[in-house]
C-alpha atoms as a PDB file:
ATOM      1  CA  UNK A   1     120.714  96.817 123.755  1.00  0.00           C
ATOM      2  CA  UNK A   2     118.106  97.693 126.257  1.00  0.00           C
ATOM      3  CA  UNK A   3     115.141  95.877 125.545  1.00  0.00           C
ATOM      4  CA  UNK A   4     114.473  94.645 129.103  1.00  0.00           C
ATOM      5  CA  UNK A   5     114.781  98.339 130.353  1.00  0.00           C
ATOM      6  CA  UNK A   6     112.187  99.401 127.921  1.00  0.00           C
ATOM      7  CA  UNK A   7     109.733  96.622 129.161  1.00  0.00           C
ATOM      8  CA  UNK A   8     110.261  97.738 132.554  1.00  0.00           C
ATOM      9  CA  UNK A   9     110.357 101.612 132.099  1.00  0.00           C
ATOM     10  CA  UNK A  10     107.688 101.785 129.216  1.00  0.00           C
ATOM     11  CA  UNK A  11     107.555 102.288 125.575  1.00  0.00           C
ATOM     12  CA  UNK A  12     108.547 105.883 125.955  1.00  0.00           C
ATOM     13  CA  UNK A  13     112.049 104.818 126.307  1.00  0.00           C
ATOM     14  CA  UNK A  14     111.846 103.219 122.825  1.00  0.00           C
ATOM     15  CA  UNK A  15     114.011 105.634 120.837  1.00  0.00           C
ATOM     16  CA  UNK A  16     117.052 104.794 118.862  1.00  0.00           C
ATOM     17  CA  UNK A  17     119.236 106.977 121.123  1.00  0.00           C
ATOM     18  CA  UNK A  18     118.319 104.954 124.221  1.00  0.00           C
ATOM     19  CA  UNK A  19     118.116 101.512 122.470  1.00  0.00           C
ATOM     20  CA  UNK A  20     120.990 101.745 120.155  1.00  0.00           C
ATOM     21  CA  UNK A  21     123.205 104.722 121.529  1.00  0.00           C
ATOM     22  CA  UNK A  22     122.772 106.487 118.136  1.00  0.00           C
ATOM     23  CA  UNK A  23     120.394 108.305 116.230  1.00  0.00           C
ATOM     24  CA  UNK A  24     119.605 107.593 112.565  1.00  0.00           C
ATOM     25  CA  UNK A  25     117.973 110.903 111.893  1.00  0.00           C
ATOM     26  CA  UNK A  26     114.486 112.045 110.834  1.00  0.00           C
ATOM     27  CA  UNK A  27     115.337 112.701 106.964  1.00  0.00           C
ATOM     28  CA  UNK A  28     113.883 110.685 104.055  1.00  0.00           C
ATOM     29  CA  UNK A  29     117.322 108.961 103.976  1.00  0.00           C
ATOM     30  CA  UNK A  30     118.842 107.732 107.396  1.00  0.00           C
ATOM     31  CA  UNK A  31     122.110 109.341 108.503  1.00  0.00           C
ATOM     32  CA  UNK A  32     124.782 108.130 111.180  1.00  0.00           C
ATOM     33  CA  UNK A  33     127.742 109.612 112.600  1.00  0.00           C
ATOM     34  CA  UNK A  34     128.861 105.898 113.185  1.00  0.00           C
ATOM     35  CA  UNK A  35     131.628 104.480 110.882  1.00  0.00           C
ATOM     36  CA  UNK A  36     130.400 101.613 108.359  1.00  0.00           C
ATOM     37  CA  UNK A  37     132.284  99.178 110.562  1.00  0.00           C
ATOM     38  CA  UNK A  38     130.441 100.340 113.639  1.00  0.00           C
ATOM     39  CA  UNK A  39     127.113 100.221 111.827  1.00  0.00           C
ATOM     40  CA  UNK A  40     127.943  96.710 110.473  1.00  0.00           C
ATOM     41  CA  UNK A  41     128.521  95.527 114.144  1.00  0.00           C
ATOM     42  CA  UNK A  42     125.325  97.197 115.272  1.00  0.00           C
ATOM     43  CA  UNK A  43     123.345  95.483 112.369  1.00  0.00           C
ATOM     44  CA  UNK A  44     124.823  92.292 113.269  1.00  0.00           C
ATOM     45  CA  UNK A  45     124.110  92.701 116.932  1.00  0.00           C
ATOM     46  CA  UNK A  46     120.245  93.795 116.187  1.00  0.00           C
ATOM     47  CA  UNK A  47     119.970  90.784 113.839  1.00  0.00           C
ATOM     48  CA  UNK A  48     121.066  88.573 116.402  1.00  0.00           C
ATOM     49  CA  UNK A  49     118.751  89.840 118.912  1.00  0.00           C
ATOM     50  CA  UNK A  50     115.815  89.762 116.299  1.00  0.00           C
ATOM     51  CA  UNK A  51     116.499  86.242 115.557  1.00  0.00           C
ATOM     52  CA  UNK A  52     116.460  85.214 119.016  1.00  0.00           C
ATOM     53  CA  UNK A  53     113.208  87.052 119.894  1.00  0.00           C
ATOM     54  CA  UNK A  54     111.070  86.751 116.520  1.00  0.00           C
ATOM     55  CA  UNK A  55     111.138  82.716 117.230  1.00  0.00           C
ATOM     56  CA  UNK A  56     109.049  83.337 120.469  1.00  0.00           C
ATOM     57  CA  UNK A  57     107.285  86.671 119.776  1.00  0.00           C
ATOM     58  CA  UNK A  58     104.268  86.800 117.502  1.00  0.00           C
ATOM     59  CA  UNK A  59     103.277  90.178 115.706  1.00  0.00           C
ATOM     60  CA  UNK A  60     102.399  92.680 116.532  1.00  0.00           C
ATOM     61  CA  UNK A  61     105.085  93.460 118.940  1.00  0.00           C
ATOM     62  CA  UNK A  62     106.402  97.336 119.316  1.00  0.00           C
ATOM     63  CA  UNK A  63     109.913  96.593 120.395  1.00  0.00           C
ATOM     64  CA  UNK A  64     110.482  94.078 117.716  1.00  0.00           C
ATOM     65  CA  UNK A  65     108.815  96.325 115.174  1.00  0.00           C
ATOM     66  CA  UNK A  66     111.037  99.204 116.204  1.00  0.00           C
ATOM     67  CA  UNK A  67     114.214  97.350 116.040  1.00  0.00           C
ATOM     68  CA  UNK A  68     113.196  95.982 112.544  1.00  0.00           C
ATOM     69  CA  UNK A  69     112.731  99.485 111.556  1.00  0.00           C
ATOM     70  CA  UNK A  70     116.128 100.661 112.751  1.00  0.00           C
ATOM     71  CA  UNK A  71     117.725  97.411 111.261  1.00  0.00           C
ATOM     72  CA  UNK A  72     116.271  98.470 108.006  1.00  0.00           C
ATOM     73  CA  UNK A  73     117.851 101.972 108.352  1.00  0.00           C
ATOM     74  CA  UNK A  74     121.197 100.395 109.109  1.00  0.00           C
ATOM     75  CA  UNK A  75     120.911  98.023 106.065  1.00  0.00           C
ATOM     76  CA  UNK A  76     120.155 101.083 103.840  1.00  0.00           C
ATOM     77  CA  UNK A  77     123.362 102.498 105.074  1.00  0.00           C
ATOM     78  CA  UNK A  78     125.448  99.419 105.078  1.00  0.00           C
ATOM     79  CA  UNK A  79     123.833  97.239 102.337  1.00  0.00           C
ATOM     80  CA  UNK A  80     121.305  98.172  99.660  1.00  0.00           C
ATOM     81  CA  UNK A  81     117.882  99.506  99.499  1.00  0.00           C
ATOM     82  CA  UNK A  82     116.363  96.206  98.559  1.00  0.00           C
ATOM     83  CA  UNK A  83     117.461  94.658 101.905  1.00  0.00           C
ATOM     84  CA  UNK A  84     116.144  97.742 103.754  1.00  0.00           C
ATOM     85  CA  UNK A  85     112.721  97.745 102.111  1.00  0.00           C
ATOM     86  CA  UNK A  86     112.317  93.845 103.047  1.00  0.00           C
ATOM     87  CA  UNK A  87     113.205  94.751 106.569  1.00  0.00           C
ATOM     88  CA  UNK A  88     110.846  97.789 106.432  1.00  0.00           C
ATOM     89  CA  UNK A  89     108.127  95.383 105.389  1.00  0.00           C
ATOM     90  CA  UNK A  90     108.915  93.172 108.284  1.00  0.00           C
ATOM     91  CA  UNK A  91     108.673  96.158 110.683  1.00  0.00           C
ATOM     92  CA  UNK A  92     105.193  96.999 109.388  1.00  0.00           C
ATOM     93  CA  UNK A  93     104.218  93.504 109.816  1.00  0.00           C
ATOM     94  CA  UNK A  94     105.246  93.620 113.519  1.00  0.00           C
ATOM     95  CA  UNK A  95     103.387  96.872 113.921  1.00  0.00           C
ATOM     96  CA  UNK A  96     105.545  99.617 113.165  1.00  0.00           C
ATOM     97  CA  UNK A  97     103.656 102.705 111.888  1.00  0.00           C
ATOM     98  CA  UNK A  98     105.177 106.016 111.203  1.00  0.00           C
ATOM     99  CA  UNK A  99     105.423 108.851 108.600  1.00  0.00           C
ATOM    100  CA  UNK A 100     109.087 108.372 108.580  1.00  0.00           C
ATOM    101  CA  UNK A 101     108.843 104.560 107.674  1.00  0.00           C
ATOM    102  CA  UNK A 102     106.328 105.569 104.788  1.00  0.00           C
ATOM    103  CA  UNK A 103     108.792 108.277 103.484  1.00  0.00           C
ATOM    104  CA  UNK A 104     111.779 106.112 103.685  1.00  0.00           C
ATOM    105  CA  UNK A 105     110.024 103.193 102.140  1.00  0.00           C
ATOM    106  CA  UNK A 106     108.750 105.283  99.173  1.00  0.00           C
ATOM    107  CA  UNK A 107     112.339 106.841  98.625  1.00  0.00           C
ATOM    108  CA  UNK A 108     113.800 103.408  98.624  1.00  0.00           C
ATOM    109  CA  UNK A 109     111.159 101.926  96.475  1.00  0.00           C
ATOM    110  CA  UNK A 110     111.843 104.491  93.842  1.00  0.00           C
ATOM    111  CA  UNK A 111     115.628 103.600  93.991  1.00  0.00           C
ATOM    112  CA  UNK A 112     114.786  99.944  94.064  1.00  0.00           C
ATOM    113  CA  UNK A 113     112.567 100.264  90.968  1.00  0.00           C
ATOM    114  CA  UNK A 114     115.447 102.256  89.203  1.00  0.00           C
ATOM    115  CA  UNK A 115     117.622  98.973  89.903  1.00  0.00           C
ATOM    116  CA  UNK A 116     115.514  96.599  87.911  1.00  0.00           C
ATOM    117  CA  UNK A 117     115.551  93.899  90.553  1.00  0.00           C
ATOM    118  CA  UNK A 118     112.626  92.169  92.179  1.00  0.00           C
ATOM    119  CA  UNK A 119     111.761  92.099  95.961  1.00  0.00           C
ATOM    120  CA  UNK A 120     111.497  88.759  97.453  1.00  0.00           C
ATOM    121  CA  UNK A 121     108.388  89.428  99.686  1.00  0.00           C
ATOM    122  CA  UNK A 122     105.139  91.383  99.312  1.00  0.00           C
ATOM    123  CA  UNK A 123     105.870  95.153  99.371  1.00  0.00           C
ATOM    124  CA  UNK A 124     103.764  97.582 101.277  1.00  0.00           C
ATOM    125  CA  UNK A 125     100.894  98.814  99.404  1.00  0.00           C
ATOM    126  CA  UNK A 126     100.314 102.210  98.417  1.00  0.00           C
ATOM    127  CA  UNK A 127      97.259 102.267 100.630  1.00  0.00           C
ATOM    128  CA  UNK A 128      99.347 101.225 103.792  1.00  0.00           C
ATOM    129  CA  UNK A 129     101.807 103.939 102.905  1.00  0.00           C
ATOM    130  CA  UNK A 130      99.204 106.578 102.570  1.00  0.00           C
ATOM    131  CA  UNK A 131      97.663 105.670 105.954  1.00  0.00           C
ATOM    132  CA  UNK A 132     101.166 106.055 107.629  1.00  0.00           C
ATOM    133  CA  UNK A 133     101.831 109.352 105.878  1.00  0.00           C
ATOM    134  CA  UNK A 134      98.342 110.713 107.282  1.00  0.00           C
ATOM    135  CA  UNK A 135      99.199 109.482 110.767  1.00  0.00           C
ATOM    136  CA  UNK A 136     101.127 112.775 111.538  1.00  0.00           C
ATOM    137  CA  UNK A 137      98.231 114.807 110.169  1.00  0.00           C
ATOM    138  CA  UNK A 138      95.801 112.758 112.195  1.00  0.00           C
ATOM    139  CA  UNK A 139      98.048 113.308 115.392  1.00  0.00           C
ATOM    140  CA  UNK A 140      98.260 117.176 114.859  1.00  0.00           C
ATOM    141  CA  UNK A 141      94.579 117.392 114.391  1.00  0.00           C
ATOM    142  CA  UNK A 142      93.906 115.373 117.436  1.00  0.00           C
ATOM    143  CA  UNK A 143      96.374 117.540 119.396  1.00  0.00           C
ATOM    144  CA  UNK A 144      94.672 120.614 118.164  1.00  0.00           C
ATOM    145  CA  UNK A 145      91.417 119.187 119.165  1.00  0.00           C
ATOM    146  CA  UNK A 146      92.676 118.213 122.677  1.00  0.00           C
ATOM    147  CA  UNK A 147      93.935 121.879 123.101  1.00  0.00           C
ATOM    148  CA  UNK A 148      90.744 123.339 122.094  1.00  0.00           C
ATOM    149  CA  UNK A 149      88.738 120.982 124.502  1.00  0.00           C
ATOM    150  CA  UNK A 150      91.134 122.039 127.360  1.00  0.00           C
ATOM    151  CA  UNK A 151      90.771 125.810 126.309  1.00  0.00           C
ATOM    152  CA  UNK A 152      86.855 125.276 126.544  1.00  0.00           C
ATOM    153  CA  UNK A 153      87.285 123.696 130.036  1.00  0.00           C
ATOM    154  CA  UNK A 154      89.480 126.581 131.283  1.00  0.00           C
ATOM    155  CA  UNK A 155      87.002 128.981 129.595  1.00  0.00           C
ATOM    156  CA  UNK A 156      84.154 127.059 131.156  1.00  0.00           C
ATOM    157  CA  UNK A 157      85.864 127.291 134.616  1.00  0.00           C
ATOM    158  CA  UNK A 158      86.576 130.990 134.300  1.00  0.00           C
ATOM    159  CA  UNK A 159      82.942 131.818 133.427  1.00  0.00           C
ATOM    160  CA  UNK A 160      81.755 129.643 136.452  1.00  0.00           C
ATOM    161  CA  UNK A 161      84.228 131.497 138.835  1.00  0.00           C
ATOM    162  CA  UNK A 162      83.131 134.948 137.327  1.00  0.00           C
ATOM    163  CA  UNK A 163      79.376 133.944 138.000  1.00  0.00           C
ATOM    164  CA  UNK A 164      80.019 132.720 141.516  1.00  0.00           C
ATOM    165  CA  UNK A 165      82.003 135.934 142.246  1.00  0.00           C
ATOM    166  CA  UNK A 166      79.062 138.120 140.963  1.00  0.00           C
ATOM    167  CA  UNK A 167      76.820 136.006 143.215  1.00  0.00           C
ATOM    168  CA  UNK A 168      79.042 136.371 146.200  1.00  0.00           C
ATOM    169  CA  UNK A 169      79.278 140.196 145.769  1.00  0.00           C
ATOM    170  CA  UNK A 170      75.470 140.593 145.397  1.00  0.00           C
ATOM    171  CA  UNK A 171      74.972 138.494 148.354  1.00  0.00           C
ATOM    172  CA  UNK A 172      77.555 140.235 150.371  1.00  0.00           C
ATOM    173  CA  UNK A 173      76.088 143.594 149.578  1.00  0.00           C
ATOM    174  CA  UNK A 174      72.519 142.477 150.847  1.00  0.00           C
ATOM    175  CA  UNK A 175      73.777 141.307 154.197  1.00  0.00           C
END
């Protein structure tokens, strides 16, 4: 894994493709082109890295949170949804927030409920999940507001230039 590279280059490099060399998709259920054996090796490698880091790093920590989310995705593919839910809860504890986490958590929570087994840890609350589900909507609203603000700036600049042009023309005709 490229944990040190992400720390040096910045969090924009914190993607599954960059960190893990694979993508687990953006659907409600993770998907992978890797074999079960390859996913199991990757799961074991991530688990080892996290065990080493989590002893020394306190939450929140974005790289640990991201790796926990990816580990939860892989556990959903290689083990069971209960283990994925527990790992998603750890990812949340370390600061991972996303609409995808909320959607996958809700999907697996329903599957888990159907299995009649209990979770060992506190589950994410409905309120926490709702906040994550609205992150995308809030981001879209913020983006729209920023674009509108940029448009207003450009419009103001255009009006100012038009006004200056008129003043210049009037001044030039008087001289």
